[in-house]
């Protein structure tokens, strides 16, 4: 399978229109659609409120947080990291394109 990344638009009737041309032979294709999402401008609190009873229990537990130790040792993410490109490469690897 050969992979291509193209830009397109979906009109009000639900039809996909490619805004770039591509030279492909006639035949069936598999389409994966990734929609761009607007970034949130207001900060969002992603930590859920934990009931007081659970907070007191977790204070007494002796479990270590493996992920926080691992993240503390992990190298920082490069400032030129492109999340969309990483997703695209993961999809290509997953489907062996």
PDB file of N, CA and C in Angstrom:
ATOM      1  N   UNK A   1       0.836  -1.177   0.000  1.00  0.00           N
ATOM      2  CA  UNK A   1       0.000   0.000   0.000  1.00  0.00           C
ATOM      3  C   UNK A   1       0.878   1.238   0.000  1.00  0.00           C
ATOM      4  N   UNK A   2       0.542   2.201  -0.788  1.00  0.00           N
ATOM      5  CA  UNK A   2       1.246   3.480  -0.842  1.00  0.00           C
ATOM      6  C   UNK A   2       0.436   4.515  -0.073  1.00  0.00           C
ATOM      7  N   UNK A   3       1.086   5.368   0.704  1.00  0.00           N
ATOM      8  CA  UNK A   3       0.393   6.384   1.501  1.00  0.00           C
ATOM      9  C   UNK A   3       0.602   7.764   0.895  1.00  0.00           C
ATOM     10  N   UNK A   4      -0.449   8.576   0.914  1.00  0.00           N
ATOM     11  CA  UNK A   4      -0.401   9.954   0.437  1.00  0.00           C
ATOM     12  C   UNK A   4      -1.058  10.833   1.485  1.00  0.00           C
ATOM     13  N   UNK A   5      -0.565  12.027   1.636  1.00  0.00           N
ATOM     14  CA  UNK A   5      -1.167  12.996   2.554  1.00  0.00           C
ATOM     15  C   UNK A   5      -1.604  14.185   1.726  1.00  0.00           C
ATOM     16  N   UNK A   6      -2.919  14.445   1.715  1.00  0.00           N
ATOM     17  CA  UNK A   6      -3.486  15.510   0.895  1.00  0.00           C
ATOM     18  C   UNK A   6      -4.381  16.391   1.749  1.00  0.00           C
ATOM     19  N   UNK A   7      -4.631  17.583   1.286  1.00  0.00           N
ATOM     20  CA  UNK A   7      -5.571  18.490   1.934  1.00  0.00           C
ATOM     21  C   UNK A   7      -6.895  18.425   1.180  1.00  0.00           C
ATOM     22  N   UNK A   8      -7.991  18.631   1.900  1.00  0.00           N
ATOM     23  CA  UNK A   8      -9.303  18.620   1.280  1.00  0.00           C
ATOM     24  C   UNK A   8     -10.309  19.336   2.142  1.00  0.00           C
ATOM     25  N   UNK A   9     -11.531  19.401   1.643  1.00  0.00           N
ATOM     26  CA  UNK A   9     -12.629  20.039   2.367  1.00  0.00           C
ATOM     27  C   UNK A   9     -13.868  19.165   2.253  1.00  0.00           C
ATOM     28  N   UNK A  10     -14.715  19.246   3.268  1.00  0.00           N
ATOM     29  CA  UNK A  10     -16.007  18.571   3.230  1.00  0.00           C
ATOM     30  C   UNK A  10     -17.054  19.662   3.119  1.00  0.00           C
ATOM     31  N   UNK A  11     -17.892  19.573   2.079  1.00  0.00           N
ATOM     32  CA  UNK A  11     -18.897  20.613   1.868  1.00  0.00           C
ATOM     33  C   UNK A  11     -20.131  20.349   2.725  1.00  0.00           C
ATOM     34  N   UNK A  12     -21.124  21.219   2.602  1.00  0.00           N
ATOM     35  CA  UNK A  12     -22.334  21.136   3.420  1.00  0.00           C
ATOM     36  C   UNK A  12     -23.131  19.868   3.164  1.00  0.00           C
ATOM     37  N   UNK A  13     -22.956  19.265   1.992  1.00  0.00           N
ATOM     38  CA  UNK A  13     -23.687  18.026   1.682  1.00  0.00           C
ATOM     39  C   UNK A  13     -22.937  16.785   2.147  1.00  0.00           C
ATOM     40  N   UNK A  14     -21.738  16.970   2.703  1.00  0.00           N
ATOM     41  CA  UNK A  14     -20.980  15.846   3.223  1.00  0.00           C
ATOM     42  C   UNK A  14     -20.019  15.225   2.232  1.00  0.00           C
ATOM     43  N   UNK A  15     -19.806  15.857   1.084  1.00  0.00           N
ATOM     44  CA  UNK A  15     -18.893  15.326   0.079  1.00  0.00           C
ATOM     45  C   UNK A  15     -17.475  15.837   0.312  1.00  0.00           C
ATOM     46  N   UNK A  16     -16.510  14.937   0.181  1.00  0.00           N
ATOM     47  CA  UNK A  16     -15.106  15.281   0.335  1.00  0.00           C
ATOM     48  C   UNK A  16     -14.564  15.763  -0.999  1.00  0.00           C
ATOM     49  N   UNK A  17     -13.934  16.933  -0.994  1.00  0.00           N
ATOM     50  CA  UNK A  17     -13.309  17.480  -2.196  1.00  0.00           C
ATOM     51  C   UNK A  17     -11.837  17.695  -1.891  1.00  0.00           C
ATOM     52  N   UNK A  18     -10.961  17.098  -2.694  1.00  0.00           N
ATOM     53  CA  UNK A  18      -9.531  17.275  -2.511  1.00  0.00           C
ATOM     54  C   UNK A  18      -9.111  18.599  -3.120  1.00  0.00           C
ATOM     55  N   UNK A  19      -8.293  19.352  -2.391  1.00  0.00           N
ATOM     56  CA  UNK A  19      -7.830  20.644  -2.888  1.00  0.00           C
ATOM     57  C   UNK A  19      -6.485  20.515  -3.593  1.00  0.00           C
ATOM     58  N   UNK A  20      -5.926  19.315  -3.606  1.00  0.00           N
ATOM     59  CA  UNK A  20      -4.672  19.039  -4.307  1.00  0.00           C
ATOM     60  C   UNK A  20      -4.936  17.918  -5.310  1.00  0.00           C
ATOM     61  N   UNK A  21      -4.257  17.964  -6.437  1.00  0.00           N
ATOM     62  CA  UNK A  21      -4.417  16.884  -7.407  1.00  0.00           C
ATOM     63  C   UNK A  21      -3.352  15.820  -7.153  1.00  0.00           C
ATOM     64  N   UNK A  22      -3.675  14.583  -7.545  1.00  0.00           N
ATOM     65  CA  UNK A  22      -2.749  13.475  -7.353  1.00  0.00           C
ATOM     66  C   UNK A  22      -2.913  12.513  -8.521  1.00  0.00           C
ATOM     67  N   UNK A  23      -1.812  11.963  -8.967  1.00  0.00           N
ATOM     68  CA  UNK A  23      -1.832  11.055 -10.100  1.00  0.00           C
ATOM     69  C   UNK A  23      -1.854   9.618  -9.571  1.00  0.00           C
ATOM     70  N   UNK A  24      -3.052   9.050  -9.474  1.00  0.00           N
ATOM     71  CA  UNK A  24      -3.231   7.686  -8.994  1.00  0.00           C
ATOM     72  C   UNK A  24      -3.949   6.853 -10.046  1.00  0.00           C
ATOM     73  N   UNK A  25      -3.627   5.570 -10.137  1.00  0.00           N
ATOM     74  CA  UNK A  25      -4.382   4.716 -11.045  1.00  0.00           C
ATOM     75  C   UNK A  25      -5.795   4.494 -10.494  1.00  0.00           C
ATOM     76  N   UNK A  26      -6.727   4.192 -11.368  1.00  0.00           N
ATOM     77  CA  UNK A  26      -8.113   3.960 -10.957  1.00  0.00           C
ATOM     78  C   UNK A  26      -8.187   2.728 -10.061  1.00  0.00           C
ATOM     79  N   UNK A  27      -9.060   2.756  -9.090  1.00  0.00           N
ATOM     80  CA  UNK A  27      -9.238   1.635  -8.173  1.00  0.00           C
ATOM     81  C   UNK A  27      -9.713   2.108  -6.821  1.00  0.00           C
ATOM     82  N   UNK A  28      -9.963   1.147  -5.949  1.00  0.00           N
ATOM     83  CA  UNK A  28     -10.440   1.474  -4.606  1.00  0.00           C
ATOM     84  C   UNK A  28      -9.299   1.985  -3.746  1.00  0.00           C
ATOM     85  N   UNK A  29      -9.625   2.893  -2.816  1.00  0.00           N
ATOM     86  CA  UNK A  29      -8.652   3.450  -1.877  1.00  0.00           C
ATOM     87  C   UNK A  29      -9.254   3.441  -0.481  1.00  0.00           C
ATOM     88  N   UNK A  30      -8.403   3.491   0.516  1.00  0.00           N
ATOM     89  CA  UNK A  30      -8.840   3.619   1.901  1.00  0.00           C
ATOM     90  C   UNK A  30      -8.559   5.048   2.322  1.00  0.00           C
ATOM     91  N   UNK A  31      -9.533   5.709   2.944  1.00  0.00           N
ATOM     92  CA  UNK A  31      -9.391   7.112   3.309  1.00  0.00           C
ATOM     93  C   UNK A  31      -9.357   7.230   4.829  1.00  0.00           C
ATOM     94  N   UNK A  32      -8.352   7.935   5.330  1.00  0.00           N
ATOM     95  CA  UNK A  32      -8.247   8.254   6.752  1.00  0.00           C
ATOM     96  C   UNK A  32      -8.363   9.769   6.861  1.00  0.00           C
ATOM     97  N   UNK A  33      -9.317  10.243   7.652  1.00  0.00           N
ATOM     98  CA  UNK A  33      -9.563  11.678   7.756  1.00  0.00           C
ATOM     99  C   UNK A  33      -9.103  12.174   9.116  1.00  0.00           C
ATOM    100  N   UNK A  34      -8.244  13.196   9.108  1.00  0.00           N
ATOM    101  CA  UNK A  34      -7.787  13.856  10.318  1.00  0.00           C
ATOM    102  C   UNK A  34      -8.239  15.307  10.243  1.00  0.00           C
ATOM    103  N   UNK A  35      -9.111  15.705  11.160  1.00  0.00           N
ATOM    104  CA  UNK A  35      -9.619  17.078  11.134  1.00  0.00           C
ATOM    105  C   UNK A  35      -8.792  17.950  12.057  1.00  0.00           C
ATOM    106  N   UNK A  36      -8.400  19.128  11.563  1.00  0.00           N
ATOM    107  CA  UNK A  36      -7.645  20.062  12.391  1.00  0.00           C
ATOM    108  C   UNK A  36      -8.570  20.609  13.475  1.00  0.00           C
ATOM    109  N   UNK A  37      -8.028  20.758  14.677  1.00  0.00           N
ATOM    110  CA  UNK A  37      -8.808  21.220  15.815  1.00  0.00           C
ATOM    111  C   UNK A  37      -8.248  22.558  16.271  1.00  0.00           C
ATOM    112  N   UNK A  38      -9.140  23.489  16.566  1.00  0.00           N
ATOM    113  CA  UNK A  38      -8.707  24.797  17.081  1.00  0.00           C
ATOM    114  C   UNK A  38      -8.141  24.607  18.483  1.00  0.00           C
ATOM    115  N   UNK A  39      -7.097  25.347  18.805  1.00  0.00           N
ATOM    116  CA  UNK A  39      -6.510  25.244  20.127  1.00  0.00           C
ATOM    117  C   UNK A  39      -7.347  26.024  21.129  1.00  0.00           C
ATOM    118  N   UNK A  40      -7.337  25.566  22.351  1.00  0.00           N
ATOM    119  CA  UNK A  40      -8.091  26.210  23.423  1.00  0.00           C
ATOM    120  C   UNK A  40      -7.302  27.420  23.910  1.00  0.00           C
ATOM    121  N   UNK A  41      -7.967  28.562  24.005  1.00  0.00           N
ATOM    122  CA  UNK A  41      -7.284  29.780  24.437  1.00  0.00           C
ATOM    123  C   UNK A  41      -7.352  29.971  25.940  1.00  0.00           C
ATOM    124  N   UNK A  42      -8.335  29.370  26.591  1.00  0.00           N
ATOM    125  CA  UNK A  42      -8.465  29.493  28.037  1.00  0.00           C
ATOM    126  C   UNK A  42      -7.866  28.259  28.700  1.00  0.00           C
ATOM    127  N   UNK A  43      -7.189  28.425  29.821  1.00  0.00           N
ATOM    128  CA  UNK A  43      -6.638  27.256  30.507  1.00  0.00           C
ATOM    129  C   UNK A  43      -7.757  26.358  31.021  1.00  0.00           C
ATOM    130  N   UNK A  44      -7.513  25.073  30.940  1.00  0.00           N
ATOM    131  CA  UNK A  44      -8.498  24.086  31.376  1.00  0.00           C
ATOM    132  C   UNK A  44      -7.891  23.289  32.516  1.00  0.00           C
ATOM    133  N   UNK A  45      -8.654  23.107  33.586  1.00  0.00           N
ATOM    134  CA  UNK A  45      -8.192  22.302  34.703  1.00  0.00           C
ATOM    135  C   UNK A  45      -8.466  20.843  34.369  1.00  0.00           C
ATOM    136  N   UNK A  46      -7.410  20.094  34.059  1.00  0.00           N
ATOM    137  CA  UNK A  46      -7.574  18.701  33.646  1.00  0.00           C
ATOM    138  C   UNK A  46      -7.530  17.733  34.818  1.00  0.00           C
ATOM    139  N   UNK A  47      -7.246  18.209  35.999  1.00  0.00           N
ATOM    140  CA  UNK A  47      -7.218  17.306  37.148  1.00  0.00           C
ATOM    141  C   UNK A  47      -8.593  17.297  37.788  1.00  0.00           C
ATOM    142  N   UNK A  48      -9.235  16.133  37.840  1.00  0.00           N
ATOM    143  CA  UNK A  48     -10.564  16.068  38.441  1.00  0.00           C
ATOM    144  C   UNK A  48     -10.485  16.258  39.955  1.00  0.00           C
ATOM    145  N   UNK A  49     -11.544  16.776  40.512  1.00  0.00           N
ATOM    146  CA  UNK A  49     -11.603  16.978  41.950  1.00  0.00           C
ATOM    147  C   UNK A  49     -11.764  15.609  42.618  1.00  0.00           C
ATOM    148  N   UNK A  50     -10.851  15.277  43.507  1.00  0.00           N
ATOM    149  CA  UNK A  50     -10.881  13.992  44.210  1.00  0.00           C
ATOM    150  C   UNK A  50     -11.588  14.195  45.542  1.00  0.00           C
ATOM    151  N   UNK A  51     -12.567  13.341  45.854  1.00  0.00           N
ATOM    152  CA  UNK A  51     -13.254  13.481  47.141  1.00  0.00           C
ATOM    153  C   UNK A  51     -12.263  13.378  48.304  1.00  0.00           C
ATOM    154  N   UNK A  52     -12.580  14.084  49.406  1.00  0.00           N
ATOM    155  CA  UNK A  52     -11.686  14.149  50.563  1.00  0.00           C
ATOM    156  C   UNK A  52     -11.348  12.755  51.091  1.00  0.00           C
ATOM    157  N   UNK A  53     -12.316  11.841  51.130  1.00  0.00           N
ATOM    158  CA  UNK A  53     -12.072  10.497  51.652  1.00  0.00           C
ATOM    159  C   UNK A  53     -10.995   9.789  50.826  1.00  0.00           C
ATOM    160  N   UNK A  54     -11.038   9.935  49.512  1.00  0.00           N
ATOM    161  CA  UNK A  54     -10.034   9.304  48.657  1.00  0.00           C
ATOM    162  C   UNK A  54      -8.672   9.964  48.836  1.00  0.00           C
ATOM    163  N   UNK A  55      -8.630  11.279  49.034  1.00  0.00           N
ATOM    164  CA  UNK A  55      -7.362  11.968  49.235  1.00  0.00           C
ATOM    165  C   UNK A  55      -6.679  11.465  50.501  1.00  0.00           C
ATOM    166  N   UNK A  56      -7.461  11.260  51.574  1.00  0.00           N
ATOM    167  CA  UNK A  56      -6.882  10.791  52.822  1.00  0.00           C
ATOM    168  C   UNK A  56      -6.369   9.367  52.675  1.00  0.00           C
ATOM    169  N   UNK A  57      -7.077   8.532  51.924  1.00  0.00           N
ATOM    170  CA  UNK A  57      -6.628   7.156  51.710  1.00  0.00           C
ATOM    171  C   UNK A  57      -5.332   7.158  50.911  1.00  0.00           C
ATOM    172  N   UNK A  58      -5.271   7.953  49.849  1.00  0.00           N
ATOM    173  CA  UNK A  58      -4.078   7.948  49.009  1.00  0.00           C
ATOM    174  C   UNK A  58      -2.858   8.508  49.744  1.00  0.00           C
ATOM    175  N   UNK A  59      -3.057   9.382  50.734  1.00  0.00           N
ATOM    176  CA  UNK A  59      -1.930   9.893  51.501  1.00  0.00           C
ATOM    177  C   UNK A  59      -1.283   8.776  52.318  1.00  0.00           C
ATOM    178  N   UNK A  60      -2.095   7.834  52.789  1.00  0.00           N
ATOM    179  CA  UNK A  60      -1.574   6.770  53.628  1.00  0.00           C
ATOM    180  C   UNK A  60      -1.008   5.602  52.825  1.00  0.00           C
ATOM    181  N   UNK A  61      -1.338   5.532  51.539  1.00  0.00           N
ATOM    182  CA  UNK A  61      -0.857   4.391  50.752  1.00  0.00           C
ATOM    183  C   UNK A  61       0.631   4.525  50.509  1.00  0.00           C
ATOM    184  N   UNK A  62       1.310   3.413  50.341  1.00  0.00           N
ATOM    185  CA  UNK A  62       2.760   3.411  50.162  1.00  0.00           C
ATOM    186  C   UNK A  62       3.140   3.075  48.726  1.00  0.00           C
ATOM    187  N   UNK A  63       2.228   3.304  47.791  1.00  0.00           N
ATOM    188  CA  UNK A  63       2.504   3.024  46.387  1.00  0.00           C
ATOM    189  C   UNK A  63       3.386   4.124  45.816  1.00  0.00           C
ATOM    190  N   UNK A  64       4.363   3.721  45.029  1.00  0.00           N
ATOM    191  CA  UNK A  64       5.173   4.734  44.350  1.00  0.00           C
ATOM    192  C   UNK A  64       4.535   5.035  43.003  1.00  0.00           C
ATOM    193  N   UNK A  65       4.699   6.232  42.555  1.00  0.00           N
ATOM    194  CA  UNK A  65       4.145   6.624  41.273  1.00  0.00           C
ATOM    195  C   UNK A  65       5.212   6.404  40.200  1.00  0.00           C
ATOM    196  N   UNK A  66       5.119   5.280  39.511  1.00  0.00           N
ATOM    197  CA  UNK A  66       6.120   4.892  38.516  1.00  0.00           C
ATOM    198  C   UNK A  66       6.190   5.916  37.393  1.00  0.00           C
ATOM    199  N   UNK A  67       5.051   6.420  36.959  1.00  0.00           N
ATOM    200  CA  UNK A  67       5.042   7.331  35.831  1.00  0.00           C
ATOM    201  C   UNK A  67       5.704   8.665  36.155  1.00  0.00           C
ATOM    202  N   UNK A  68       5.507   9.175  37.357  1.00  0.00           N
ATOM    203  CA  UNK A  68       6.150  10.443  37.690  1.00  0.00           C
ATOM    204  C   UNK A  68       7.667  10.280  37.749  1.00  0.00           C
ATOM    205  N   UNK A  69       8.145   9.124  38.240  1.00  0.00           N
ATOM    206  CA  UNK A  69       9.588   8.856  38.241  1.00  0.00           C
ATOM    207  C   UNK A  69      10.108   8.775  36.812  1.00  0.00           C
ATOM    208  N   UNK A  70       9.367   8.094  35.964  1.00  0.00           N
ATOM    209  CA  UNK A  70       9.774   7.919  34.568  1.00  0.00           C
ATOM    210  C   UNK A  70       9.784   9.257  33.827  1.00  0.00           C
ATOM    211  N   UNK A  71       8.751  10.070  34.036  1.00  0.00           N
ATOM    212  CA  UNK A  71       8.672  11.369  33.371  1.00  0.00           C
ATOM    213  C   UNK A  71       9.770  12.316  33.856  1.00  0.00           C
ATOM    214  N   UNK A  72      10.133  12.207  35.117  1.00  0.00           N
ATOM    215  CA  UNK A  72      11.187  13.068  35.643  1.00  0.00           C
ATOM    216  C   UNK A  72      12.528  12.767  34.973  1.00  0.00           C
ATOM    217  N   UNK A  73      12.740  11.518  34.572  1.00  0.00           N
ATOM    218  CA  UNK A  73      13.988  11.119  33.937  1.00  0.00           C
ATOM    219  C   UNK A  73      13.962  11.282  32.417  1.00  0.00           C
ATOM    220  N   UNK A  74      12.771  11.437  31.830  1.00  0.00           N
ATOM    221  CA  UNK A  74      12.640  11.525  30.376  1.00  0.00           C
ATOM    222  C   UNK A  74      13.213  12.847  29.859  1.00  0.00           C
ATOM    223  N   UNK A  75      13.822  12.810  28.675  1.00  0.00           N
ATOM    224  CA  UNK A  75      14.346  14.057  28.114  1.00  0.00           C
ATOM    225  C   UNK A  75      13.205  14.981  27.693  1.00  0.00           C
ATOM    226  N   UNK A  76      13.421  16.288  27.681  1.00  0.00           N
ATOM    227  CA  UNK A  76      12.351  17.218  27.283  1.00  0.00           C
ATOM    228  C   UNK A  76      12.019  17.064  25.797  1.00  0.00           C
ATOM    229  N   UNK A  77      10.802  17.432  25.450  1.00  0.00           N
ATOM    230  CA  UNK A  77      10.351  17.360  24.061  1.00  0.00           C
ATOM    231  C   UNK A  77      10.988  18.499  23.275  1.00  0.00           C
ATOM    232  N   UNK A  78      11.440  18.190  22.083  1.00  0.00           N
ATOM    233  CA  UNK A  78      12.089  19.177  21.223  1.00  0.00           C
ATOM    234  C   UNK A  78      11.104  20.290  20.855  1.00  0.00           C
ATOM    235  N   UNK A  79      11.529  21.546  20.795  1.00  0.00           N
ATOM    236  CA  UNK A  79      10.613  22.638  20.457  1.00  0.00           C
ATOM    237  C   UNK A  79      10.094  22.556  19.016  1.00  0.00           C
ATOM    238  N   UNK A  80      10.789  21.837  18.138  1.00  0.00           N
ATOM    239  CA  UNK A  80      10.324  21.714  16.756  1.00  0.00           C
ATOM    240  C   UNK A  80       9.546  20.414  16.523  1.00  0.00           C
ATOM    241  N   UNK A  81       9.078  19.760  17.610  1.00  0.00           N
ATOM    242  CA  UNK A  81       8.303  18.526  17.514  1.00  0.00           C
ATOM    243  C   UNK A  81       6.958  18.816  16.851  1.00  0.00           C
ATOM    244  N   UNK A  82       6.613  18.034  15.836  1.00  0.00           N
ATOM    245  CA  UNK A  82       5.350  18.195  15.105  1.00  0.00           C
ATOM    246  C   UNK A  82       4.439  17.019  15.438  1.00  0.00           C
ATOM    247  N   UNK A  83       3.418  17.269  16.251  1.00  0.00           N
ATOM    248  CA  UNK A  83       2.522  16.208  16.698  1.00  0.00           C
ATOM    249  C   UNK A  83       1.768  15.580  15.523  1.00  0.00           C
ATOM    250  N   UNK A  84       1.336  16.396  14.556  1.00  0.00           N
ATOM    251  CA  UNK A  84       0.615  15.863  13.399  1.00  0.00           C
ATOM    252  C   UNK A  84       1.499  14.920  12.583  1.00  0.00           C
ATOM    253  N   UNK A  85       2.745  15.289  12.403  1.00  0.00           N
ATOM    254  CA  UNK A  85       3.666  14.426  11.660  1.00  0.00           C
ATOM    255  C   UNK A  85       3.903  13.115  12.413  1.00  0.00           C
ATOM    256  N   UNK A  86       4.003  13.184  13.727  1.00  0.00           N
ATOM    257  CA  UNK A  86       4.196  11.979  14.531  1.00  0.00           C
ATOM    258  C   UNK A  86       2.987  11.059  14.423  1.00  0.00           C
ATOM    259  N   UNK A  87       1.774  11.639  14.440  1.00  0.00           N
ATOM    260  CA  UNK A  87       0.557  10.826  14.275  1.00  0.00           C
ATOM    261  C   UNK A  87       0.536  10.162  12.908  1.00  0.00           C
ATOM    262  N   UNK A  88       0.891  10.920  11.871  1.00  0.00           N
ATOM    263  CA  UNK A  88       0.901  10.399  10.509  1.00  0.00           C
ATOM    264  C   UNK A  88       1.893   9.238  10.385  1.00  0.00           C
ATOM    265  N   UNK A  89       3.081   9.399  10.948  1.00  0.00           N
ATOM    266  CA  UNK A  89       4.081   8.337  10.891  1.00  0.00           C
ATOM    267  C   UNK A  89       3.615   7.105  11.663  1.00  0.00           C
ATOM    268  N   UNK A  90       2.950   7.312  12.799  1.00  0.00           N
ATOM    269  CA  UNK A  90       2.431   6.179  13.577  1.00  0.00           C
ATOM    270  C   UNK A  90       1.357   5.437  12.798  1.00  0.00           C
ATOM    271  N   UNK A  91       0.475   6.165  12.112  1.00  0.00           N
ATOM    272  CA  UNK A  91      -0.555   5.524  11.283  1.00  0.00           C
ATOM    273  C   UNK A  91       0.070   4.729  10.152  1.00  0.00           C
ATOM    274  N   UNK A  92       1.076   5.316   9.501  1.00  0.00           N
ATOM    275  CA  UNK A  92       1.753   4.607   8.397  1.00  0.00           C
ATOM    276  C   UNK A  92       2.423   3.346   8.913  1.00  0.00           C
ATOM    277  N   UNK A  93       3.064   3.424  10.076  1.00  0.00           N
ATOM    278  CA  UNK A  93       3.727   2.246  10.645  1.00  0.00           C
ATOM    279  C   UNK A  93       2.703   1.186  11.047  1.00  0.00           C
ATOM    280  N   UNK A  94       1.611   1.634  11.658  1.00  0.00           N
ATOM    281  CA  UNK A  94       0.583   0.711  12.112  1.00  0.00           C
ATOM    282  C   UNK A  94      -0.020  -0.061  10.946  1.00  0.00           C
ATOM    283  N   UNK A  95      -0.288   0.633   9.865  1.00  0.00           N
ATOM    284  CA  UNK A  95      -0.912  -0.006   8.694  1.00  0.00           C
ATOM    285  C   UNK A  95       0.110  -0.434   7.647  1.00  0.00           C
ATOM    286  N   UNK A  96       1.376  -0.330   7.993  1.00  0.00           N
ATOM    287  CA  UNK A  96       2.479  -0.750   7.130  1.00  0.00           C
ATOM    288  C   UNK A  96       2.355  -0.179   5.735  1.00  0.00           C
ATOM    289  N   UNK A  97       2.209   1.132   5.682  1.00  0.00           N
ATOM    290  CA  UNK A  97       2.052   1.829   4.404  1.00  0.00           C
ATOM    291  C   UNK A  97       3.398   2.241   3.863  1.00  0.00           C
TER     292      UNK A  97
END
